[in-house]
N, C-alpha and C. Protein backbone atom coordinates (compact mmCIF):
# COMPACT_ATOMS: atom_id res chain seq x y z
N MET A 1 0.85 -1.18 0.00
CA MET A 1 0.00 0.00 0.00
C MET A 1 0.90 1.24 0.00
N ARG A 2 0.71 2.10 -1.01
CA ARG A 2 1.54 3.30 -1.12
C ARG A 2 1.20 4.31 -0.04
N LYS A 3 2.22 5.00 0.42
CA LYS A 3 2.03 6.12 1.33
C LYS A 3 1.42 7.27 0.54
N ARG A 4 0.71 8.16 1.22
CA ARG A 4 0.12 9.33 0.59
C ARG A 4 0.85 10.57 1.11
N ALA A 5 1.13 11.52 0.22
CA ALA A 5 1.75 12.79 0.60
C ALA A 5 0.85 13.93 0.15
N GLY A 6 0.70 14.93 1.01
CA GLY A 6 -0.17 16.04 0.68
C GLY A 6 0.39 17.35 1.18
N ILE A 7 -0.33 18.41 0.85
CA ILE A 7 0.12 19.76 1.19
C ILE A 7 -0.90 20.52 2.04
N ILE A 8 -0.36 21.49 2.75
CA ILE A 8 -1.15 22.47 3.49
C ILE A 8 -0.72 23.82 2.95
N LEU A 9 -1.59 24.47 2.18
CA LEU A 9 -1.29 25.77 1.58
C LEU A 9 -2.31 26.78 2.10
N ILE A 10 -1.80 27.79 2.79
CA ILE A 10 -2.66 28.83 3.36
C ILE A 10 -2.27 30.16 2.72
N GLN A 11 -3.27 30.86 2.19
CA GLN A 11 -3.08 32.17 1.58
C GLN A 11 -4.20 33.09 2.06
N GLU A 12 -3.84 34.23 2.58
CA GLU A 12 -4.82 35.26 2.95
C GLU A 12 -5.96 34.70 3.78
N GLY A 13 -5.62 33.87 4.77
CA GLY A 13 -6.63 33.34 5.69
C GLY A 13 -7.50 32.23 5.12
N LYS A 14 -7.07 31.66 3.98
CA LYS A 14 -7.83 30.58 3.36
C LYS A 14 -6.91 29.39 3.10
N LEU A 15 -7.51 28.18 3.12
CA LEU A 15 -6.79 26.95 2.92
C LEU A 15 -7.18 26.35 1.57
N ALA A 16 -6.17 25.90 0.81
CA ALA A 16 -6.41 25.23 -0.46
C ALA A 16 -6.90 23.81 -0.19
N LEU A 17 -8.03 23.45 -0.76
CA LEU A 17 -8.60 22.11 -0.59
C LEU A 17 -9.17 21.63 -1.92
N MET A 18 -9.42 20.33 -1.98
CA MET A 18 -10.10 19.73 -3.12
C MET A 18 -11.52 19.39 -2.68
N GLU A 19 -12.50 20.01 -3.31
CA GLU A 19 -13.89 19.65 -3.02
C GLU A 19 -14.21 18.38 -3.80
N ARG A 20 -14.73 17.39 -3.10
CA ARG A 20 -14.99 16.10 -3.71
C ARG A 20 -16.47 15.72 -3.58
N HIS A 21 -16.99 15.18 -4.65
CA HIS A 21 -18.29 14.51 -4.67
C HIS A 21 -17.96 13.11 -5.16
N ARG A 22 -18.13 12.10 -4.29
CA ARG A 22 -17.72 10.75 -4.64
C ARG A 22 -18.60 9.74 -3.94
N GLN A 23 -19.17 8.84 -4.70
CA GLN A 23 -19.99 7.74 -4.17
C GLN A 23 -21.02 8.23 -3.15
N GLY A 24 -21.72 9.31 -3.50
CA GLY A 24 -22.77 9.85 -2.66
C GLY A 24 -22.29 10.70 -1.50
N ARG A 25 -20.99 10.90 -1.38
CA ARG A 25 -20.43 11.72 -0.29
C ARG A 25 -19.97 13.07 -0.83
N HIS A 26 -20.07 14.08 0.01
CA HIS A 26 -19.55 15.42 -0.29
C HIS A 26 -18.59 15.80 0.82
N TYR A 27 -17.34 16.07 0.44
CA TYR A 27 -16.33 16.39 1.45
C TYR A 27 -15.21 17.21 0.82
N PHE A 28 -14.32 17.68 1.66
CA PHE A 28 -13.17 18.48 1.23
C PHE A 28 -11.91 17.77 1.72
N ALA A 29 -10.93 17.61 0.82
CA ALA A 29 -9.69 16.90 1.16
C ALA A 29 -8.49 17.80 0.88
N PHE A 30 -7.44 17.57 1.64
CA PHE A 30 -6.19 18.27 1.39
C PHE A 30 -5.59 17.75 0.08
N PRO A 31 -5.06 18.62 -0.77
CA PRO A 31 -4.46 18.16 -2.02
C PRO A 31 -3.32 17.18 -1.74
N GLY A 32 -3.25 16.13 -2.53
CA GLY A 32 -2.19 15.15 -2.37
C GLY A 32 -2.54 13.85 -3.06
N GLY A 33 -1.62 12.89 -2.96
CA GLY A 33 -1.84 11.60 -3.59
C GLY A 33 -0.72 10.64 -3.25
N GLY A 34 -0.68 9.54 -3.94
CA GLY A 34 0.26 8.48 -3.66
C GLY A 34 1.70 8.85 -3.98
N VAL A 35 2.60 8.33 -3.15
CA VAL A 35 4.04 8.50 -3.37
C VAL A 35 4.48 7.40 -4.33
N ASP A 36 5.04 7.80 -5.47
CA ASP A 36 5.50 6.84 -6.47
C ASP A 36 6.81 6.19 -6.05
N GLU A 37 7.07 5.02 -6.59
CA GLU A 37 8.32 4.31 -6.31
C GLU A 37 9.50 5.19 -6.72
N GLY A 38 10.49 5.29 -5.83
CA GLY A 38 11.68 6.08 -6.10
C GLY A 38 11.52 7.57 -5.82
N GLU A 39 10.37 7.96 -5.34
CA GLU A 39 10.05 9.36 -5.07
C GLU A 39 10.05 9.59 -3.56
N THR A 40 10.56 10.74 -3.12
CA THR A 40 10.48 11.08 -1.70
C THR A 40 9.09 11.62 -1.40
N ASP A 41 8.76 11.66 -0.12
CA ASP A 41 7.47 12.23 0.28
C ASP A 41 7.36 13.67 -0.18
N GLU A 42 8.46 14.43 -0.04
CA GLU A 42 8.46 15.83 -0.44
C GLU A 42 8.25 15.98 -1.94
N GLN A 43 8.93 15.15 -2.73
CA GLN A 43 8.76 15.20 -4.18
C GLN A 43 7.32 14.90 -4.58
N ALA A 44 6.73 13.92 -3.92
CA ALA A 44 5.34 13.56 -4.22
C ALA A 44 4.40 14.71 -3.90
N ALA A 45 4.59 15.36 -2.76
CA ALA A 45 3.72 16.48 -2.38
C ALA A 45 3.82 17.61 -3.41
N ILE A 46 5.03 17.92 -3.84
CA ILE A 46 5.24 18.98 -4.83
C ILE A 46 4.59 18.60 -6.16
N ARG A 47 4.77 17.36 -6.59
CA ARG A 47 4.16 16.89 -7.84
C ARG A 47 2.64 16.94 -7.77
N GLU A 48 2.09 16.48 -6.66
CA GLU A 48 0.63 16.48 -6.50
C GLU A 48 0.05 17.89 -6.52
N ALA A 49 0.76 18.86 -5.94
CA ALA A 49 0.28 20.25 -5.98
C ALA A 49 0.17 20.73 -7.43
N MET A 50 1.15 20.36 -8.25
CA MET A 50 1.10 20.74 -9.66
C MET A 50 -0.03 20.02 -10.38
N GLU A 51 -0.15 18.70 -10.15
CA GLU A 51 -1.18 17.92 -10.84
C GLU A 51 -2.58 18.35 -10.45
N GLU A 52 -2.82 18.57 -9.15
CA GLU A 52 -4.17 18.86 -8.69
C GLU A 52 -4.54 20.34 -8.73
N LEU A 53 -3.56 21.21 -8.46
CA LEU A 53 -3.86 22.64 -8.36
C LEU A 53 -3.28 23.47 -9.49
N GLY A 54 -2.28 22.94 -10.20
CA GLY A 54 -1.64 23.69 -11.27
C GLY A 54 -0.60 24.68 -10.77
N ILE A 55 -0.11 24.47 -9.55
CA ILE A 55 0.85 25.42 -8.98
C ILE A 55 2.13 24.74 -8.52
N GLU A 56 3.21 25.53 -8.54
CA GLU A 56 4.49 25.09 -8.02
C GLU A 56 4.57 25.53 -6.57
N VAL A 57 4.97 24.61 -5.69
CA VAL A 57 5.09 24.93 -4.27
C VAL A 57 6.47 24.55 -3.77
N GLY A 58 6.86 25.18 -2.66
CA GLY A 58 8.09 24.83 -1.97
C GLY A 58 7.76 24.36 -0.57
N ILE A 59 8.48 23.38 -0.10
CA ILE A 59 8.26 22.83 1.23
C ILE A 59 8.78 23.80 2.29
N VAL A 60 7.94 24.13 3.26
CA VAL A 60 8.34 24.93 4.41
C VAL A 60 8.78 24.00 5.54
N GLN A 61 7.91 23.03 5.84
CA GLN A 61 8.22 22.05 6.88
C GLN A 61 7.24 20.90 6.83
N LYS A 62 7.67 19.77 7.36
CA LYS A 62 6.76 18.64 7.54
C LYS A 62 5.85 19.01 8.70
N ALA A 63 4.54 18.89 8.49
CA ALA A 63 3.58 19.32 9.50
C ALA A 63 3.00 18.14 10.30
N ALA A 64 2.69 17.04 9.61
CA ALA A 64 2.01 15.95 10.32
C ALA A 64 2.09 14.64 9.55
N THR A 65 2.00 13.56 10.30
CA THR A 65 1.83 12.23 9.75
C THR A 65 0.52 11.69 10.31
N ILE A 66 -0.34 11.21 9.44
CA ILE A 66 -1.62 10.64 9.85
C ILE A 66 -1.49 9.12 9.81
N LEU A 67 -1.79 8.47 10.91
CA LEU A 67 -1.77 7.01 10.98
C LEU A 67 -3.18 6.51 11.25
N ARG A 68 -3.64 5.60 10.38
CA ARG A 68 -4.97 5.02 10.55
C ARG A 68 -4.87 3.52 10.39
N GLU A 69 -5.45 2.80 11.32
CA GLU A 69 -5.42 1.34 11.32
C GLU A 69 -5.94 0.79 9.99
N GLY A 70 -5.12 -0.03 9.33
CA GLY A 70 -5.54 -0.69 8.11
C GLY A 70 -5.56 0.19 6.88
N ARG A 71 -5.11 1.42 6.98
CA ARG A 71 -5.10 2.35 5.84
C ARG A 71 -3.68 2.84 5.63
N ARG A 72 -3.41 3.39 4.48
CA ARG A 72 -2.05 3.86 4.21
C ARG A 72 -1.70 5.09 5.02
N ASP A 73 -0.43 5.18 5.41
CA ASP A 73 0.05 6.35 6.15
C ASP A 73 -0.01 7.56 5.24
N GLN A 74 -0.20 8.72 5.85
CA GLN A 74 -0.27 9.97 5.11
C GLN A 74 0.67 10.98 5.76
N VAL A 75 1.43 11.69 4.94
CA VAL A 75 2.32 12.73 5.45
C VAL A 75 1.96 14.05 4.76
N TYR A 76 1.94 15.12 5.54
CA TYR A 76 1.54 16.43 5.02
C TYR A 76 2.60 17.47 5.31
N PHE A 77 2.80 18.34 4.32
CA PHE A 77 3.81 19.39 4.41
C PHE A 77 3.17 20.76 4.30
N LEU A 78 3.60 21.67 5.17
CA LEU A 78 3.24 23.07 5.03
C LEU A 78 4.06 23.60 3.87
N VAL A 79 3.42 24.27 2.92
CA VAL A 79 4.11 24.74 1.72
C VAL A 79 3.86 26.21 1.47
N LYS A 80 4.70 26.79 0.60
CA LYS A 80 4.48 28.15 0.13
C LYS A 80 4.29 28.09 -1.38
N TRP A 81 3.49 28.97 -1.90
CA TRP A 81 3.17 29.05 -3.33
C TRP A 81 4.30 29.79 -4.03
N LEU A 82 4.90 29.14 -5.03
CA LEU A 82 6.02 29.75 -5.76
C LEU A 82 5.63 30.26 -7.14
N GLY A 83 4.62 29.65 -7.76
CA GLY A 83 4.23 30.08 -9.10
C GLY A 83 3.13 29.21 -9.65
N GLY A 84 2.69 29.58 -10.85
CA GLY A 84 1.61 28.85 -11.50
C GLY A 84 0.27 29.49 -11.23
N GLU A 85 -0.74 28.99 -11.93
CA GLU A 85 -2.10 29.53 -11.81
C GLU A 85 -2.99 28.53 -11.09
N TYR A 86 -3.47 28.93 -9.93
CA TYR A 86 -4.32 28.07 -9.10
C TYR A 86 -5.55 27.62 -9.89
N GLY A 87 -5.84 26.33 -9.78
CA GLY A 87 -7.05 25.79 -10.42
C GLY A 87 -6.82 25.28 -11.83
N THR A 88 -5.55 25.18 -12.25
CA THR A 88 -5.27 24.72 -13.61
C THR A 88 -4.65 23.32 -13.63
N GLY A 89 -4.86 22.55 -12.59
CA GLY A 89 -4.30 21.21 -12.52
C GLY A 89 -4.78 20.34 -13.67
N THR A 90 -3.91 19.45 -14.12
CA THR A 90 -4.23 18.58 -15.25
C THR A 90 -3.95 17.11 -14.93
N GLY A 91 -3.96 16.75 -13.65
CA GLY A 91 -3.70 15.38 -13.25
C GLY A 91 -4.74 14.42 -13.79
N GLU A 92 -4.39 13.13 -13.76
CA GLU A 92 -5.28 12.10 -14.31
C GLU A 92 -6.62 12.04 -13.60
N GLU A 93 -6.69 12.55 -12.35
CA GLU A 93 -7.97 12.52 -11.64
C GLU A 93 -9.04 13.38 -12.31
N PHE A 94 -8.60 14.32 -13.15
CA PHE A 94 -9.56 15.18 -13.86
C PHE A 94 -10.07 14.53 -15.14
N ASP A 95 -9.39 13.47 -15.60
CA ASP A 95 -9.74 12.83 -16.86
C ASP A 95 -10.95 11.92 -16.75
N GLU A 96 -11.04 11.16 -15.68
CA GLU A 96 -12.08 10.14 -15.55
C GLU A 96 -13.05 10.49 -14.43
N VAL A 97 -14.02 11.29 -14.75
CA VAL A 97 -15.04 11.65 -13.76
C VAL A 97 -16.18 10.63 -13.89
N ASP A 98 -16.33 9.81 -12.86
CA ASP A 98 -17.42 8.85 -12.81
C ASP A 98 -17.79 8.64 -11.34
N GLU A 99 -18.77 7.80 -11.08
CA GLU A 99 -19.25 7.62 -9.71
C GLU A 99 -18.16 7.10 -8.78
N GLU A 100 -17.30 6.22 -9.29
CA GLU A 100 -16.25 5.65 -8.44
C GLU A 100 -15.18 6.68 -8.09
N ASN A 101 -14.70 7.40 -9.09
CA ASN A 101 -13.63 8.39 -8.87
C ASN A 101 -14.17 9.72 -8.37
N GLY A 102 -15.38 10.06 -8.75
CA GLY A 102 -15.99 11.30 -8.31
C GLY A 102 -15.39 12.52 -8.99
N THR A 103 -15.70 13.68 -8.43
CA THR A 103 -15.24 14.94 -9.00
C THR A 103 -14.17 15.56 -8.10
N TYR A 104 -13.33 16.38 -8.73
CA TYR A 104 -12.27 17.11 -8.04
C TYR A 104 -12.41 18.57 -8.42
N ASN A 105 -12.53 19.44 -7.42
CA ASN A 105 -12.65 20.86 -7.69
C ASN A 105 -11.79 21.63 -6.69
N PRO A 106 -10.72 22.29 -7.15
CA PRO A 106 -9.89 23.07 -6.23
C PRO A 106 -10.67 24.26 -5.69
N VAL A 107 -10.64 24.45 -4.37
CA VAL A 107 -11.35 25.56 -3.74
C VAL A 107 -10.48 26.18 -2.66
N TRP A 108 -10.82 27.40 -2.28
CA TRP A 108 -10.22 28.07 -1.12
C TRP A 108 -11.28 28.09 -0.03
N MET A 109 -10.95 27.60 1.15
CA MET A 109 -11.89 27.62 2.26
C MET A 109 -11.35 28.53 3.36
N PRO A 110 -12.16 29.49 3.81
CA PRO A 110 -11.73 30.33 4.94
C PRO A 110 -11.41 29.46 6.15
N LEU A 111 -10.32 29.78 6.83
CA LEU A 111 -9.90 28.98 7.98
C LEU A 111 -10.98 28.88 9.05
N GLY A 112 -11.79 29.91 9.19
CA GLY A 112 -12.86 29.91 10.18
C GLY A 112 -13.95 28.89 9.89
N GLU A 113 -14.00 28.34 8.67
CA GLU A 113 -15.03 27.37 8.30
C GLU A 113 -14.55 25.93 8.36
N LEU A 114 -13.25 25.71 8.59
CA LEU A 114 -12.68 24.36 8.50
C LEU A 114 -13.39 23.34 9.39
N LEU A 115 -13.68 23.72 10.61
CA LEU A 115 -14.28 22.76 11.53
C LEU A 115 -15.79 22.68 11.40
N GLU A 116 -16.37 23.54 10.56
CA GLU A 116 -17.82 23.50 10.30
C GLU A 116 -18.16 22.63 9.11
N LYS A 117 -17.18 22.33 8.29
CA LYS A 117 -17.40 21.56 7.05
C LYS A 117 -16.81 20.16 7.21
N ASN A 118 -17.13 19.29 6.26
CA ASN A 118 -16.62 17.93 6.27
C ASN A 118 -15.24 17.92 5.59
N VAL A 119 -14.21 18.31 6.35
CA VAL A 119 -12.84 18.36 5.87
C VAL A 119 -12.11 17.14 6.40
N VAL A 120 -11.45 16.40 5.48
CA VAL A 120 -10.72 15.20 5.87
C VAL A 120 -9.27 15.29 5.43
N PRO A 121 -8.37 14.70 6.22
CA PRO A 121 -8.59 14.09 7.52
C PRO A 121 -8.91 15.13 8.58
N ARG A 122 -9.84 14.79 9.43
CA ARG A 122 -10.34 15.72 10.45
C ARG A 122 -9.24 16.20 11.38
N GLY A 123 -8.38 15.28 11.82
CA GLY A 123 -7.30 15.66 12.73
C GLY A 123 -6.37 16.68 12.12
N LEU A 124 -6.18 16.63 10.81
CA LEU A 124 -5.32 17.60 10.14
C LEU A 124 -6.00 18.97 10.08
N ALA A 125 -7.30 18.99 9.84
CA ALA A 125 -8.05 20.25 9.86
C ALA A 125 -7.95 20.89 11.24
N GLU A 126 -8.08 20.08 12.29
CA GLU A 126 -7.95 20.60 13.65
C GLU A 126 -6.55 21.14 13.91
N LEU A 127 -5.52 20.46 13.38
CA LEU A 127 -4.15 20.93 13.55
C LEU A 127 -3.94 22.28 12.86
N VAL A 128 -4.50 22.46 11.67
CA VAL A 128 -4.36 23.73 10.95
C VAL A 128 -4.97 24.87 11.75
N VAL A 129 -6.16 24.64 12.29
CA VAL A 129 -6.82 25.68 13.10
C VAL A 129 -5.97 26.02 14.32
N LYS A 130 -5.47 25.00 15.01
CA LYS A 130 -4.64 25.22 16.19
C LYS A 130 -3.34 25.94 15.83
N ALA A 131 -2.72 25.55 14.72
CA ALA A 131 -1.45 26.16 14.30
C ALA A 131 -1.63 27.63 13.91
N GLN A 132 -2.78 27.97 13.37
CA GLN A 132 -3.01 29.36 13.01
C GLN A 132 -3.15 30.23 14.26
N ARG A 133 -3.60 29.60 15.34
CA ARG A 133 -3.74 30.31 16.61
C ARG A 133 -2.41 30.35 17.37
N ASP A 134 -1.72 29.19 17.42
CA ASP A 134 -0.55 29.04 18.29
C ASP A 134 0.79 29.02 17.55
N GLY A 135 0.76 28.94 16.22
CA GLY A 135 1.98 28.82 15.45
C GLY A 135 2.29 27.36 15.14
N TRP A 136 3.09 27.16 14.10
CA TRP A 136 3.47 25.81 13.69
C TRP A 136 4.65 25.37 14.52
N GLY A 137 4.52 24.23 15.15
CA GLY A 137 5.62 23.66 15.92
C GLY A 137 6.25 22.52 15.14
N GLU A 138 6.81 21.58 15.88
CA GLU A 138 7.40 20.39 15.27
C GLU A 138 6.30 19.55 14.63
N SER A 139 6.70 18.71 13.68
CA SER A 139 5.77 17.78 13.04
C SER A 139 5.13 16.88 14.10
N VAL A 140 3.85 16.60 13.93
CA VAL A 140 3.13 15.78 14.89
C VAL A 140 2.62 14.51 14.22
N VAL A 141 2.30 13.51 15.05
CA VAL A 141 1.67 12.29 14.58
C VAL A 141 0.23 12.32 15.06
N ILE A 142 -0.69 12.12 14.13
CA ILE A 142 -2.12 12.12 14.44
C ILE A 142 -2.64 10.72 14.17
N ARG A 143 -3.24 10.12 15.17
CA ARG A 143 -3.84 8.79 15.01
C ARG A 143 -5.34 8.95 14.86
N GLU A 144 -5.87 8.40 13.76
CA GLU A 144 -7.30 8.47 13.51
C GLU A 144 -7.85 7.06 13.36
N ASP A 145 -9.07 6.86 13.82
CA ASP A 145 -9.71 5.54 13.68
C ASP A 145 -10.46 5.44 12.37
């Protein structure tokens, strides 16, 4: 099972997320995807930002690792926007829109709404809210059921 790498991009009090409609569910996910063989977690996060959002990002720091029983580990990096046009991603997830894969729509969500919406992983959304209040510390491990 491949590890997943994703990004946390905050601009002007808003968080970059992917709005998803999939198999009857509506939710918001942090941009990211599977780490390819021979690729570092950081390289995967940078590649996924380009594929999903159409932007080049730089790693600021590792923010969190999400561990869930029976599911693949996920690692997330706080990033800064270096270039590109937001919302112009051309990854394969945009090619096959069907009930199984669902839809992908890049959105900006105000930080004040994160805990009011169905943002996954939930523990990461909670960490972002806390970090905006208290500052980003060392990378943390979040265990979710």
